[in-house]
Amino acid sequence: MGATAVELPHIPAMTRRRLGHLAKMAVAVVDSVLPPSEGLDIPVVWASRYGEADKALALLRLQSLNEPLSPTAFGLSVHNAVGAQHSILRGMRSNAVCVASSHCVPEAGVVEAMALLQDAGAADEVLLVCYDDPLPPDYASFHDEPVAEYAWALRLARMKPGEAGFTLHAVDMVGRPDERGEAAALPHGLDVLHFLLQGDRKNLVHRHESGQWKWERVHA
């Protein structure tokens, strides 16, 4: 499977070299919905199940060989590194939060974004970024959903009267009969994107080990 080519001509070459492939995808979609002239005060939620796992694995290999570890390489391997690099690049000083939640990364991102919108004095919008790519070969046995690389971003705001939007509800399945849906054709993050883009798709139910999330399209 080939990697998606990502061009970031607006980013200085030295900064581009520090961005891994997944980071470039995430930054590309953020900058496509947040032009350089906008959004310096918008909070951002970065949501990824694995982040740049290849960088963490490379450090673990060096550690197993008793090789010295680069502080810079470590700093670029942590889960919030992409958001930190982008904030520095754009000169953004608002909240930049990174979340991960196993099979429910988009939902975790939306919950965090809604919390930021409810904060006193918060911005009118929150930017949500969801991104992931396949695990490195040494971790491939841990894949438990269809494999694909993806990144998408959207600006979330409270619904106003007359506007269309969506609701997200958590349903506790403890003590209920086990309900198993059809095998997924896409990674969950891409399934959520399809729901958001397809106006005729009224709902999306995502089941996980302890319950389910239900997305529904609504009008205020």
N, C-alpha and C. Protein backbone atom coordinates (compact mmCIF):
# COMPACT_ATOMS: atom_id res chain seq x y z
N MET A 1 0.84 -1.19 0.00
CA MET A 1 0.00 0.00 0.00
C MET A 1 0.88 1.24 0.00
N GLY A 2 0.72 2.11 -0.99
CA GLY A 2 1.53 3.30 -1.08
C GLY A 2 1.03 4.39 -0.15
N ALA A 3 1.95 5.29 0.20
CA ALA A 3 1.60 6.39 1.08
C ALA A 3 1.06 7.56 0.27
N THR A 4 0.15 8.32 0.88
CA THR A 4 -0.40 9.50 0.24
C THR A 4 0.66 10.60 0.19
N ALA A 5 0.81 11.22 -0.98
CA ALA A 5 1.77 12.32 -1.11
C ALA A 5 1.15 13.59 -0.52
N VAL A 6 1.89 14.25 0.35
CA VAL A 6 1.40 15.47 0.99
C VAL A 6 2.39 16.60 0.73
N GLU A 7 1.92 17.65 0.09
CA GLU A 7 2.77 18.81 -0.19
C GLU A 7 2.39 19.94 0.76
N LEU A 8 3.37 20.53 1.39
CA LEU A 8 3.13 21.66 2.30
C LEU A 8 4.06 22.82 1.91
N PRO A 9 3.83 23.40 0.75
CA PRO A 9 4.75 24.45 0.28
C PRO A 9 4.75 25.70 1.15
N HIS A 10 3.70 25.90 1.94
CA HIS A 10 3.61 27.09 2.76
C HIS A 10 4.39 26.97 4.08
N ILE A 11 4.96 25.79 4.33
CA ILE A 11 5.70 25.56 5.57
C ILE A 11 7.19 25.56 5.28
N PRO A 12 8.00 26.25 6.07
CA PRO A 12 9.45 26.27 5.83
C PRO A 12 10.04 24.87 5.76
N ALA A 13 11.05 24.70 4.90
CA ALA A 13 11.62 23.38 4.65
C ALA A 13 12.13 22.71 5.92
N MET A 14 12.79 23.46 6.80
CA MET A 14 13.32 22.86 8.02
C MET A 14 12.21 22.30 8.89
N THR A 15 11.08 22.99 8.96
CA THR A 15 9.94 22.50 9.74
C THR A 15 9.32 21.28 9.08
N ARG A 16 9.22 21.29 7.75
CA ARG A 16 8.66 20.14 7.04
C ARG A 16 9.45 18.87 7.32
N ARG A 17 10.76 19.00 7.41
CA ARG A 17 11.60 17.81 7.64
C ARG A 17 11.34 17.20 9.02
N ARG A 18 10.86 17.99 9.96
CA ARG A 18 10.59 17.48 11.30
C ARG A 18 9.24 16.80 11.40
N LEU A 19 8.40 17.00 10.38
CA LEU A 19 7.07 16.42 10.38
C LEU A 19 7.10 15.05 9.72
N GLY A 20 6.59 14.04 10.43
CA GLY A 20 6.44 12.72 9.82
C GLY A 20 5.27 12.74 8.83
N HIS A 21 5.08 11.61 8.15
CA HIS A 21 4.02 11.53 7.13
C HIS A 21 2.64 11.80 7.74
N LEU A 22 2.34 11.17 8.86
CA LEU A 22 1.03 11.37 9.48
C LEU A 22 0.86 12.82 9.93
N ALA A 23 1.91 13.40 10.49
CA ALA A 23 1.85 14.80 10.91
C ALA A 23 1.58 15.71 9.73
N LYS A 24 2.21 15.43 8.59
CA LYS A 24 1.97 16.25 7.40
C LYS A 24 0.51 16.15 6.96
N MET A 25 -0.07 14.95 7.01
CA MET A 25 -1.48 14.81 6.64
C MET A 25 -2.35 15.64 7.57
N ALA A 26 -2.08 15.56 8.89
CA ALA A 26 -2.89 16.29 9.86
C ALA A 26 -2.77 17.79 9.67
N VAL A 27 -1.53 18.27 9.49
CA VAL A 27 -1.32 19.71 9.30
C VAL A 27 -1.98 20.18 8.00
N ALA A 28 -1.93 19.37 6.96
CA ALA A 28 -2.52 19.75 5.67
C ALA A 28 -4.02 19.98 5.79
N VAL A 29 -4.72 19.07 6.50
CA VAL A 29 -6.18 19.25 6.60
C VAL A 29 -6.52 20.40 7.53
N VAL A 30 -5.72 20.61 8.59
CA VAL A 30 -5.97 21.75 9.48
C VAL A 30 -5.84 23.06 8.71
N ASP A 31 -4.76 23.20 7.97
CA ASP A 31 -4.54 24.45 7.25
C ASP A 31 -5.51 24.64 6.08
N SER A 32 -6.16 23.56 5.65
CA SER A 32 -7.17 23.70 4.59
C SER A 32 -8.47 24.29 5.13
N VAL A 33 -8.78 24.07 6.41
CA VAL A 33 -10.01 24.63 6.99
C VAL A 33 -9.72 25.83 7.90
N LEU A 34 -8.45 26.12 8.14
CA LEU A 34 -8.06 27.24 8.99
C LEU A 34 -6.98 28.04 8.25
N PRO A 35 -7.40 28.92 7.36
CA PRO A 35 -6.43 29.69 6.58
C PRO A 35 -5.47 30.46 7.48
N PRO A 36 -4.27 30.76 7.00
CA PRO A 36 -3.26 31.44 7.81
C PRO A 36 -3.72 32.75 8.41
N SER A 37 -4.68 33.41 7.76
CA SER A 37 -5.16 34.70 8.26
C SER A 37 -6.21 34.56 9.35
N GLU A 38 -6.61 33.30 9.67
CA GLU A 38 -7.68 33.08 10.64
C GLU A 38 -7.21 32.17 11.77
N GLY A 39 -7.99 32.18 12.84
CA GLY A 39 -7.94 31.13 13.84
C GLY A 39 -6.83 31.14 14.84
N LEU A 40 -6.15 32.26 15.03
CA LEU A 40 -5.06 32.25 16.00
C LEU A 40 -5.55 32.05 17.43
N ASP A 41 -6.84 32.32 17.67
CA ASP A 41 -7.38 32.16 19.02
C ASP A 41 -8.36 31.00 19.13
N ILE A 42 -8.38 30.10 18.16
CA ILE A 42 -9.31 28.97 18.20
C ILE A 42 -8.66 27.79 18.91
N PRO A 43 -9.34 27.18 19.90
CA PRO A 43 -8.81 25.96 20.52
C PRO A 43 -8.81 24.82 19.51
N VAL A 44 -7.87 23.90 19.67
CA VAL A 44 -7.76 22.76 18.75
C VAL A 44 -7.69 21.47 19.55
N VAL A 45 -8.48 20.47 19.13
CA VAL A 45 -8.42 19.13 19.71
C VAL A 45 -7.83 18.21 18.65
N TRP A 46 -6.70 17.59 18.98
CA TRP A 46 -6.03 16.64 18.09
C TRP A 46 -6.37 15.23 18.59
N ALA A 47 -7.04 14.44 17.76
CA ALA A 47 -7.53 13.13 18.18
C ALA A 47 -6.93 12.04 17.29
N SER A 48 -6.15 11.15 17.90
CA SER A 48 -5.49 10.08 17.16
C SER A 48 -5.35 8.86 18.07
N ARG A 49 -5.67 7.71 17.55
CA ARG A 49 -5.54 6.49 18.36
C ARG A 49 -4.08 6.15 18.63
N TYR A 50 -3.27 6.20 17.60
CA TYR A 50 -1.88 5.75 17.72
C TYR A 50 -0.86 6.87 17.63
N GLY A 51 -1.21 7.99 16.99
CA GLY A 51 -0.21 9.01 16.76
C GLY A 51 0.88 8.47 15.84
N GLU A 52 2.06 9.06 15.92
CA GLU A 52 3.17 8.62 15.06
C GLU A 52 3.91 7.47 15.74
N ALA A 53 3.27 6.30 15.72
CA ALA A 53 3.81 5.13 16.42
C ALA A 53 5.15 4.69 15.87
N ASP A 54 5.43 4.97 14.61
CA ASP A 54 6.71 4.56 14.03
C ASP A 54 7.88 5.25 14.73
N LYS A 55 7.69 6.50 15.16
CA LYS A 55 8.76 7.21 15.85
C LYS A 55 9.01 6.61 17.24
N ALA A 56 7.93 6.26 17.93
CA ALA A 56 8.08 5.64 19.25
C ALA A 56 8.77 4.27 19.13
N LEU A 57 8.41 3.51 18.10
CA LEU A 57 9.02 2.19 17.91
C LEU A 57 10.51 2.32 17.60
N ALA A 58 10.89 3.32 16.81
CA ALA A 58 12.30 3.52 16.49
C ALA A 58 13.10 3.81 17.77
N LEU A 59 12.53 4.57 18.70
CA LEU A 59 13.21 4.85 19.97
C LEU A 59 13.32 3.59 20.82
N LEU A 60 12.28 2.78 20.81
CA LEU A 60 12.32 1.53 21.59
C LEU A 60 13.40 0.60 21.06
N ARG A 61 13.55 0.57 19.74
CA ARG A 61 14.62 -0.26 19.16
C ARG A 61 15.98 0.20 19.64
N LEU A 62 16.21 1.51 19.63
CA LEU A 62 17.49 2.05 20.10
C LEU A 62 17.71 1.74 21.57
N GLN A 63 16.66 1.85 22.35
CA GLN A 63 16.78 1.58 23.78
C GLN A 63 17.13 0.11 24.02
N SER A 64 16.55 -0.80 23.24
CA SER A 64 16.84 -2.22 23.41
C SER A 64 18.30 -2.55 23.08
N LEU A 65 18.93 -1.69 22.28
CA LEU A 65 20.34 -1.88 21.90
C LEU A 65 21.27 -1.06 22.79
N ASN A 66 20.69 -0.45 23.83
CA ASN A 66 21.47 0.42 24.74
C ASN A 66 22.12 1.59 24.00
N GLU A 67 21.46 2.03 22.96
CA GLU A 67 21.94 3.19 22.22
C GLU A 67 21.40 4.47 22.86
N PRO A 68 22.13 5.57 22.78
CA PRO A 68 21.62 6.84 23.33
C PRO A 68 20.39 7.32 22.56
N LEU A 69 19.48 7.95 23.28
CA LEU A 69 18.25 8.44 22.67
C LEU A 69 18.34 9.96 22.48
N SER A 70 17.89 10.40 21.34
CA SER A 70 17.90 11.82 21.04
C SER A 70 16.73 12.53 21.73
N PRO A 71 16.99 13.56 22.52
CA PRO A 71 15.89 14.32 23.13
C PRO A 71 14.94 14.90 22.09
N THR A 72 15.48 15.33 20.96
CA THR A 72 14.63 15.87 19.90
C THR A 72 13.72 14.79 19.33
N ALA A 73 14.30 13.59 19.08
CA ALA A 73 13.49 12.49 18.55
C ALA A 73 12.40 12.11 19.54
N PHE A 74 12.73 12.11 20.84
CA PHE A 74 11.71 11.79 21.84
C PHE A 74 10.61 12.85 21.84
N GLY A 75 11.01 14.11 21.78
CA GLY A 75 10.02 15.18 21.78
C GLY A 75 9.07 15.11 20.60
N LEU A 76 9.56 14.61 19.46
CA LEU A 76 8.72 14.50 18.28
C LEU A 76 7.91 13.21 18.25
N SER A 77 8.15 12.31 19.20
CA SER A 77 7.44 11.02 19.20
C SER A 77 6.23 11.01 20.12
N VAL A 78 6.14 11.97 21.04
CA VAL A 78 5.04 11.95 22.01
C VAL A 78 3.72 12.28 21.32
N HIS A 79 2.61 11.93 21.97
CA HIS A 79 1.32 11.97 21.31
C HIS A 79 0.88 13.39 20.95
N ASN A 80 1.33 14.38 21.70
CA ASN A 80 0.89 15.75 21.40
C ASN A 80 1.90 16.53 20.56
N ALA A 81 2.88 15.83 19.99
CA ALA A 81 3.93 16.53 19.24
C ALA A 81 3.39 17.23 18.00
N VAL A 82 2.45 16.62 17.31
CA VAL A 82 1.92 17.23 16.08
C VAL A 82 1.23 18.55 16.41
N GLY A 83 0.38 18.52 17.43
CA GLY A 83 -0.31 19.74 17.82
C GLY A 83 0.64 20.82 18.28
N ALA A 84 1.68 20.42 19.02
CA ALA A 84 2.65 21.40 19.51
C ALA A 84 3.41 22.04 18.35
N GLN A 85 3.83 21.22 17.39
CA GLN A 85 4.56 21.76 16.24
C GLN A 85 3.69 22.73 15.44
N HIS A 86 2.43 22.36 15.26
CA HIS A 86 1.54 23.23 14.49
C HIS A 86 1.27 24.53 15.23
N SER A 87 1.08 24.47 16.54
CA SER A 87 0.84 25.68 17.32
C SER A 87 2.02 26.65 17.21
N ILE A 88 3.22 26.10 17.29
CA ILE A 88 4.42 26.94 17.17
C ILE A 88 4.50 27.54 15.77
N LEU A 89 4.24 26.72 14.77
CA LEU A 89 4.32 27.16 13.38
C LEU A 89 3.36 28.32 13.10
N ARG A 90 2.13 28.21 13.64
CA ARG A 90 1.11 29.21 13.36
C ARG A 90 1.07 30.33 14.41
N GLY A 91 1.86 30.21 15.47
CA GLY A 91 1.84 31.23 16.52
C GLY A 91 0.55 31.23 17.30
N MET A 92 -0.07 30.06 17.48
CA MET A 92 -1.35 29.94 18.18
C MET A 92 -1.11 29.75 19.68
N ARG A 93 -1.87 30.48 20.49
CA ARG A 93 -1.70 30.41 21.94
C ARG A 93 -2.94 29.86 22.65
N SER A 94 -3.95 29.49 21.90
CA SER A 94 -5.15 28.90 22.51
C SER A 94 -4.88 27.47 22.93
N ASN A 95 -5.85 26.88 23.62
CA ASN A 95 -5.72 25.48 24.05
C ASN A 95 -5.44 24.57 22.86
N ALA A 96 -4.50 23.66 23.03
CA ALA A 96 -4.25 22.60 22.06
C ALA A 96 -4.22 21.30 22.85
N VAL A 97 -5.26 20.49 22.70
CA VAL A 97 -5.44 19.28 23.50
C VAL A 97 -5.32 18.06 22.60
N CYS A 98 -4.62 17.04 23.06
CA CYS A 98 -4.48 15.80 22.30
C CYS A 98 -5.15 14.67 23.06
N VAL A 99 -6.03 13.91 22.39
CA VAL A 99 -6.75 12.81 23.04
C VAL A 99 -6.58 11.52 22.24
N ALA A 100 -6.71 10.41 22.95
CA ALA A 100 -6.72 9.08 22.33
C ALA A 100 -7.69 8.23 23.13
N SER A 101 -8.45 7.38 22.43
CA SER A 101 -9.45 6.59 23.15
C SER A 101 -9.75 5.28 22.43
N SER A 102 -8.72 4.49 22.21
CA SER A 102 -8.91 3.16 21.65
C SER A 102 -9.82 3.21 20.42
N HIS A 103 -10.99 2.54 20.48
CA HIS A 103 -11.87 2.45 19.33
C HIS A 103 -12.76 3.67 19.15
N CYS A 104 -12.69 4.64 20.03
CA CYS A 104 -13.66 5.75 20.03
C CYS A 104 -12.98 7.11 19.95
N VAL A 105 -11.98 7.23 19.11
CA VAL A 105 -11.21 8.47 19.03
C VAL A 105 -12.06 9.66 18.57
N PRO A 106 -12.87 9.54 17.49
CA PRO A 106 -13.66 10.71 17.09
C PRO A 106 -14.61 11.17 18.19
N GLU A 107 -15.21 10.21 18.90
CA GLU A 107 -16.13 10.56 19.98
C GLU A 107 -15.40 11.28 21.12
N ALA A 108 -14.21 10.78 21.47
CA ALA A 108 -13.41 11.44 22.52
C ALA A 108 -13.07 12.86 22.09
N GLY A 109 -12.76 13.05 20.82
CA GLY A 109 -12.44 14.37 20.32
C GLY A 109 -13.63 15.32 20.39
N VAL A 110 -14.82 14.84 20.04
CA VAL A 110 -16.02 15.68 20.09
C VAL A 110 -16.36 16.04 21.53
N VAL A 111 -16.26 15.08 22.45
CA VAL A 111 -16.55 15.36 23.86
C VAL A 111 -15.61 16.44 24.39
N GLU A 112 -14.32 16.32 24.06
CA GLU A 112 -13.35 17.33 24.51
C GLU A 112 -13.65 18.69 23.88
N ALA A 113 -14.02 18.69 22.61
CA ALA A 113 -14.34 19.94 21.93
C ALA A 113 -15.56 20.61 22.56
N MET A 114 -16.58 19.81 22.88
CA MET A 114 -17.78 20.39 23.50
C MET A 114 -17.46 20.96 24.88
N ALA A 115 -16.57 20.30 25.61
CA ALA A 115 -16.17 20.83 26.92
C ALA A 115 -15.49 22.18 26.77
N LEU A 116 -14.65 22.31 25.74
CA LEU A 116 -13.98 23.59 25.50
C LEU A 116 -14.98 24.68 25.11
N LEU A 117 -16.01 24.30 24.33
CA LEU A 117 -17.02 25.27 23.94
C LEU A 117 -17.83 25.75 25.14
N GLN A 118 -17.98 24.90 26.14
CA GLN A 118 -18.77 25.26 27.32
C GLN A 118 -17.98 26.06 28.35
N ASP A 119 -16.67 26.10 28.22
CA ASP A 119 -15.85 26.86 29.17
C ASP A 119 -16.24 28.34 29.14
N ALA A 120 -16.25 28.93 30.32
CA ALA A 120 -16.54 30.36 30.40
C ALA A 120 -15.47 31.14 29.64
N GLY A 121 -15.92 32.03 28.78
CA GLY A 121 -14.98 32.84 28.01
C GLY A 121 -14.32 32.11 26.86
N ALA A 122 -14.83 30.92 26.53
CA ALA A 122 -14.21 30.12 25.47
C ALA A 122 -14.51 30.74 24.10
N ALA A 123 -13.77 30.29 23.10
CA ALA A 123 -14.00 30.75 21.73
C ALA A 123 -15.34 30.23 21.22
N ASP A 124 -15.82 30.84 20.15
CA ASP A 124 -17.10 30.43 19.57
C ASP A 124 -16.98 29.13 18.78
N GLU A 125 -15.77 28.74 18.42
CA GLU A 125 -15.53 27.53 17.65
C GLU A 125 -14.37 26.74 18.26
N VAL A 126 -14.39 25.44 18.00
CA VAL A 126 -13.26 24.57 18.34
C VAL A 126 -12.92 23.78 17.09
N LEU A 127 -11.65 23.66 16.79
CA LEU A 127 -11.21 22.87 15.64
C LEU A 127 -10.91 21.45 16.09
N LEU A 128 -11.53 20.47 15.45
CA LEU A 128 -11.28 19.05 15.75
C LEU A 128 -10.51 18.43 14.60
N VAL A 129 -9.41 17.75 14.92
CA VAL A 129 -8.58 17.07 13.93
C VAL A 129 -8.51 15.59 14.29
N CYS A 130 -8.91 14.72 13.38
CA CYS A 130 -8.81 13.27 13.58
C CYS A 130 -7.85 12.71 12.54
N TYR A 131 -6.91 11.90 12.98
CA TYR A 131 -5.89 11.41 12.06
C TYR A 131 -5.28 10.10 12.58
N ASP A 132 -4.99 9.20 11.69
CA ASP A 132 -4.31 7.94 12.02
C ASP A 132 -3.80 7.30 10.75
N ASP A 133 -2.82 6.43 10.90
CA ASP A 133 -2.38 5.62 9.77
C ASP A 133 -2.03 4.23 10.29
N PRO A 134 -1.77 3.27 9.41
CA PRO A 134 -1.50 1.90 9.86
C PRO A 134 -0.30 1.84 10.80
N LEU A 135 -0.37 0.91 11.74
CA LEU A 135 0.75 0.69 12.64
C LEU A 135 1.96 0.16 11.88
N PRO A 136 3.16 0.40 12.40
CA PRO A 136 4.36 -0.18 11.77
C PRO A 136 4.27 -1.71 11.75
N PRO A 137 4.99 -2.37 10.83
CA PRO A 137 4.91 -3.82 10.70
C PRO A 137 5.08 -4.58 12.02
N ASP A 138 5.99 -4.14 12.89
CA ASP A 138 6.21 -4.84 14.15
C ASP A 138 5.01 -4.78 15.08
N TYR A 139 4.11 -3.83 14.84
CA TYR A 139 2.90 -3.69 15.65
C TYR A 139 1.65 -4.17 14.92
N ALA A 140 1.80 -4.66 13.69
CA ALA A 140 0.64 -4.94 12.84
C ALA A 140 -0.34 -5.94 13.45
N SER A 141 0.15 -6.82 14.31
CA SER A 141 -0.75 -7.82 14.91
C SER A 141 -1.79 -7.19 15.82
N PHE A 142 -1.60 -5.93 16.19
CA PHE A 142 -2.56 -5.26 17.07
C PHE A 142 -3.68 -4.57 16.30
N HIS A 143 -3.63 -4.61 14.97
CA HIS A 143 -4.72 -4.03 14.19
C HIS A 143 -6.01 -4.79 14.48
N ASP A 144 -7.08 -4.07 14.77
CA ASP A 144 -8.37 -4.72 15.01
C ASP A 144 -9.49 -4.02 14.26
N GLU A 145 -9.15 -3.25 13.23
CA GLU A 145 -10.14 -2.65 12.35
C GLU A 145 -9.50 -2.49 10.97
N PRO A 146 -10.29 -2.21 9.95
CA PRO A 146 -9.70 -2.05 8.61
C PRO A 146 -8.57 -1.03 8.62
N VAL A 147 -7.57 -1.27 7.78
CA VAL A 147 -6.37 -0.45 7.77
C VAL A 147 -6.45 0.59 6.66
N ALA A 148 -6.22 1.83 7.03
CA ALA A 148 -6.15 2.93 6.05
C ALA A 148 -5.57 4.15 6.74
N GLU A 149 -4.88 4.97 5.99
CA GLU A 149 -4.40 6.24 6.54
C GLU A 149 -5.44 7.31 6.24
N TYR A 150 -5.62 8.23 7.17
CA TYR A 150 -6.59 9.30 6.94
C TYR A 150 -6.31 10.47 7.88
N ALA A 151 -6.82 11.62 7.50
CA ALA A 151 -6.80 12.81 8.35
C ALA A 151 -7.93 13.71 7.89
N TRP A 152 -8.67 14.23 8.83
CA TRP A 152 -9.72 15.20 8.51
C TRP A 152 -9.87 16.19 9.66
N ALA A 153 -10.42 17.35 9.34
CA ALA A 153 -10.58 18.40 10.33
C ALA A 153 -11.89 19.13 10.07
N LEU A 154 -12.52 19.59 11.15
CA LEU A 154 -13.72 20.40 11.02
C LEU A 154 -13.81 21.38 12.17
N ARG A 155 -14.55 22.44 11.94
CA ARG A 155 -14.75 23.47 12.96
C ARG A 155 -16.12 23.24 13.59
N LEU A 156 -16.12 23.08 14.91
CA LEU A 156 -17.34 22.79 15.65
C LEU A 156 -17.81 24.03 16.40
N ALA A 157 -19.12 24.24 16.39
CA ALA A 157 -19.72 25.36 17.12
C ALA A 157 -21.09 24.92 17.64
N ARG A 158 -21.62 25.66 18.60
CA ARG A 158 -22.95 25.37 19.10
C ARG A 158 -23.97 25.61 17.99
N MET A 159 -25.00 24.77 17.95
CA MET A 159 -26.05 24.94 16.95
C MET A 159 -26.89 26.17 17.27
N LYS A 160 -27.26 26.88 16.21
CA LYS A 160 -28.15 28.03 16.34
C LYS A 160 -29.51 27.67 15.75
N PRO A 161 -30.58 28.36 16.19
CA PRO A 161 -31.92 28.06 15.65
C PRO A 161 -31.93 28.05 14.13
N GLY A 162 -32.53 27.00 13.59
CA GLY A 162 -32.65 26.88 12.14
C GLY A 162 -31.49 26.18 11.47
N GLU A 163 -30.41 25.92 12.22
CA GLU A 163 -29.24 25.27 11.63
C GLU A 163 -29.33 23.75 11.72
N ALA A 164 -28.64 23.09 10.81
CA ALA A 164 -28.52 21.63 10.86
C ALA A 164 -27.23 21.27 11.58
N GLY A 165 -27.24 20.14 12.25
CA GLY A 165 -26.05 19.69 12.95
C GLY A 165 -26.19 18.24 13.36
N PHE A 166 -25.50 17.86 14.42
CA PHE A 166 -25.60 16.48 14.89
C PHE A 166 -25.53 16.45 16.41
N THR A 167 -26.04 15.35 16.96
CA THR A 167 -25.91 15.08 18.39
C THR A 167 -25.12 13.79 18.56
N LEU A 168 -24.49 13.65 19.72
CA LEU A 168 -23.71 12.46 20.03
C LEU A 168 -24.10 12.00 21.43
N HIS A 169 -24.54 10.74 21.54
CA HIS A 169 -24.98 10.20 22.82
C HIS A 169 -24.21 8.93 23.15
N ALA A 170 -23.85 8.78 24.42
CA ALA A 170 -23.24 7.54 24.91
C ALA A 170 -24.34 6.68 25.53
N VAL A 171 -24.33 5.38 25.18
CA VAL A 171 -25.32 4.45 25.71
C VAL A 171 -24.59 3.34 26.43
N ASP A 172 -24.91 3.15 27.71
CA ASP A 172 -24.29 2.11 28.52
C ASP A 172 -24.91 0.77 28.17
N MET A 173 -24.07 -0.19 27.75
CA MET A 173 -24.58 -1.51 27.36
C MET A 173 -24.37 -2.57 28.42
N VAL A 174 -23.89 -2.19 29.61
CA VAL A 174 -23.64 -3.16 30.67
C VAL A 174 -24.95 -3.83 31.07
N GLY A 175 -24.95 -5.14 31.09
CA GLY A 175 -26.14 -5.89 31.47
C GLY A 175 -27.13 -6.10 30.35
N ARG A 176 -26.85 -5.57 29.17
CA ARG A 176 -27.74 -5.75 28.04
C ARG A 176 -27.25 -6.90 27.16
N PRO A 177 -28.13 -7.46 26.36
CA PRO A 177 -27.68 -8.53 25.45
C PRO A 177 -26.59 -8.02 24.53
N ASP A 178 -25.67 -8.89 24.20
CA ASP A 178 -24.58 -8.50 23.31
C ASP A 178 -25.12 -8.28 21.90
N GLU A 179 -24.96 -7.08 21.39
CA GLU A 179 -25.42 -6.74 20.04
C GLU A 179 -24.21 -6.53 19.16
N ARG A 180 -24.07 -7.31 18.15
CA ARG A 180 -22.93 -7.19 17.27
C ARG A 180 -23.41 -6.74 15.89
N GLY A 181 -22.81 -5.67 15.41
CA GLY A 181 -23.16 -5.17 14.10
C GLY A 181 -22.35 -5.87 13.02
N GLU A 182 -22.53 -5.40 11.78
CA GLU A 182 -21.79 -5.96 10.67
C GLU A 182 -20.31 -5.57 10.78
N ALA A 183 -19.48 -6.40 10.19
CA ALA A 183 -18.05 -6.09 10.20
C ALA A 183 -17.81 -4.76 9.48
N ALA A 184 -16.97 -3.94 10.06
CA ALA A 184 -16.72 -2.62 9.49
C ALA A 184 -15.94 -2.71 8.19
N ALA A 185 -16.28 -1.84 7.24
CA ALA A 185 -15.55 -1.78 5.97
C ALA A 185 -14.47 -0.72 5.99
N LEU A 186 -14.56 0.19 6.98
CA LEU A 186 -13.63 1.31 7.07
C LEU A 186 -13.13 1.45 8.50
N PRO A 187 -11.99 2.07 8.70
CA PRO A 187 -11.62 2.47 10.07
C PRO A 187 -12.72 3.36 10.63
N HIS A 188 -12.93 3.29 11.94
CA HIS A 188 -14.03 4.06 12.51
C HIS A 188 -13.91 5.55 12.24
N GLY A 189 -12.70 6.08 12.26
CA GLY A 189 -12.53 7.50 11.99
C GLY A 189 -13.04 7.90 10.62
N LEU A 190 -12.86 7.04 9.61
CA LEU A 190 -13.37 7.35 8.28
C LEU A 190 -14.87 7.15 8.19
N ASP A 191 -15.41 6.19 8.95
CA ASP A 191 -16.86 5.99 8.98
C ASP A 191 -17.55 7.24 9.54
N VAL A 192 -16.96 7.82 10.58
CA VAL A 192 -17.52 9.06 11.14
C VAL A 192 -17.46 10.18 10.10
N LEU A 193 -16.36 10.28 9.37
CA LEU A 193 -16.25 11.31 8.34
C LEU A 193 -17.35 11.13 7.29
N HIS A 194 -17.59 9.90 6.87
CA HIS A 194 -18.65 9.64 5.89
C HIS A 194 -20.01 10.08 6.43
N PHE A 195 -20.27 9.79 7.70
CA PHE A 195 -21.54 10.22 8.31
C PHE A 195 -21.66 11.74 8.26
N LEU A 196 -20.60 12.44 8.59
CA LEU A 196 -20.65 13.90 8.62
C LEU A 196 -20.85 14.50 7.24
N LEU A 197 -20.32 13.83 6.21
CA LEU A 197 -20.40 14.36 4.85
C LEU A 197 -21.67 13.97 4.11
N GLN A 198 -22.25 12.83 4.48
CA GLN A 198 -23.42 12.32 3.76
C GLN A 198 -24.70 12.84 4.42
N GLY A 199 -25.28 13.88 3.82
CA GLY A 199 -26.45 14.51 4.42
C GLY A 199 -27.66 13.61 4.55
N ASP A 200 -27.75 12.56 3.74
CA ASP A 200 -28.91 11.68 3.81
C ASP A 200 -28.72 10.54 4.80
N ARG A 201 -27.56 10.48 5.43
CA ARG A 201 -27.32 9.44 6.44
C ARG A 201 -27.75 9.99 7.79
N LYS A 202 -28.80 9.45 8.35
CA LYS A 202 -29.44 10.04 9.53
C LYS A 202 -28.72 9.71 10.84
N ASN A 203 -28.09 8.55 10.91
CA ASN A 203 -27.43 8.21 12.17
C ASN A 203 -26.27 7.25 11.94
N LEU A 204 -25.47 7.12 12.96
CA LEU A 204 -24.33 6.20 12.97
C LEU A 204 -24.23 5.64 14.38
N VAL A 205 -24.25 4.32 14.49
CA VAL A 205 -24.10 3.67 15.79
C VAL A 205 -22.76 2.96 15.82
N HIS A 206 -21.98 3.26 16.85
CA HIS A 206 -20.66 2.65 17.00
C HIS A 206 -20.61 1.89 18.31
N ARG A 207 -20.52 0.56 18.21
CA ARG A 207 -20.48 -0.29 19.41
C ARG A 207 -19.04 -0.56 19.81
N HIS A 208 -18.81 -0.60 21.11
CA HIS A 208 -17.50 -0.94 21.64
C HIS A 208 -17.68 -1.83 22.86
N GLU A 209 -16.60 -2.12 23.57
CA GLU A 209 -16.65 -3.15 24.60
C GLU A 209 -17.64 -2.86 25.73
N SER A 210 -17.81 -1.62 26.12
CA SER A 210 -18.65 -1.31 27.28
C SER A 210 -19.91 -0.53 26.94
N GLY A 211 -20.17 -0.30 25.70
CA GLY A 211 -21.37 0.44 25.35
C GLY A 211 -21.41 0.80 23.89
N GLN A 212 -22.04 1.91 23.58
CA GLN A 212 -22.10 2.35 22.20
C GLN A 212 -22.27 3.87 22.15
N TRP A 213 -21.83 4.42 21.05
CA TRP A 213 -22.02 5.84 20.76
C TRP A 213 -23.02 5.94 19.61
N LYS A 214 -23.92 6.91 19.72
CA LYS A 214 -24.91 7.10 18.65
C LYS A 214 -24.84 8.54 18.16
N TRP A 215 -24.51 8.69 16.88
CA TRP A 215 -24.51 9.98 16.21
C TRP A 215 -25.85 10.15 15.48
N GLU A 216 -26.47 11.30 15.60
CA GLU A 216 -27.73 11.56 14.91
C GLU A 216 -27.72 12.95 14.27
N ARG A 217 -28.25 13.02 13.07
CA ARG A 217 -28.35 14.31 12.38
C ARG A 217 -29.64 15.00 12.83
N VAL A 218 -29.54 16.27 13.20
CA VAL A 218 -30.70 16.98 13.74
C VAL A 218 -30.74 18.41 13.18
N HIS A 219 -31.89 19.07 13.42
CA HIS A 219 -32.06 20.49 13.11
C HIS A 219 -32.46 21.20 14.38
N ALA A 220 -31.88 22.36 14.62
CA ALA A 220 -32.21 23.13 15.83
C ALA A 220 -33.60 23.74 15.71
